[in-house]
Amino acid sequence: MIHSSRTVQLFQWPVIPFVAGALFSAGTVPLLATAAQAQATDQNYGACASELLDAGVSAEAAAIACANAYRPTEVSGCVAGVLAAADVTPTAALSACSRDRRPDEVASCVATIHGDLTVVDSQSVLDHCHRTILPERYAACVTGIADELGYATEDSLATCIAAGYRPENVAPTYIPMN
């Protein structure tokens, strides 16, 4: 059997720690960068408080809302988005945005419905967008039904919120034994 001296040199012990170190570094650097980005964007409590104060929320309410939020800038962004699209009080917008799992989608829902339909009661739109589990899908339902069927906005809001989730194929897939 013939061995190449180059093959033997490549797989000697000094090479293995170097390769392992390179692979470890290449795998952890992206994770560290992602963690730093998440920390920089998700934990900006000062920006949250500042944006809520600019929106007209009291200092005490802003402090509580930002302190309780997992992603504080999403809450303040939601409040700003809702206030830009709808005629509601800052307190009502903060209440809906701070209690929702998807505050950015709540603002998008309110803006979509206000942008596409004639809205008489902005508070009702905000309440419905907050109550639904999937706000963007809900907004698509409301605007689609109102446009295609000629429903009033309130009727579309009520119809889509009552639609709910209907599971499919829930029958058992086995034959019970007697």
Foldseek 3Di string as FASTA:
>chain_A
DDDDPVVVVCPDDVNVVVVVVVVVVVVCVVVVVVVVVCCVQQLCLVVLLVLLVVLPDDNVLSNVLSVPDRRSVLLSVLLVLLVVQAPDHSVLSSVLQSPAPRSNLLSVLLNLQSVQAPDDDSSLSSVLLSPDNGNNVLSVQQNVCCVPVVDHSVVSSVVSSVPDDDDPPPDDPDDDDD
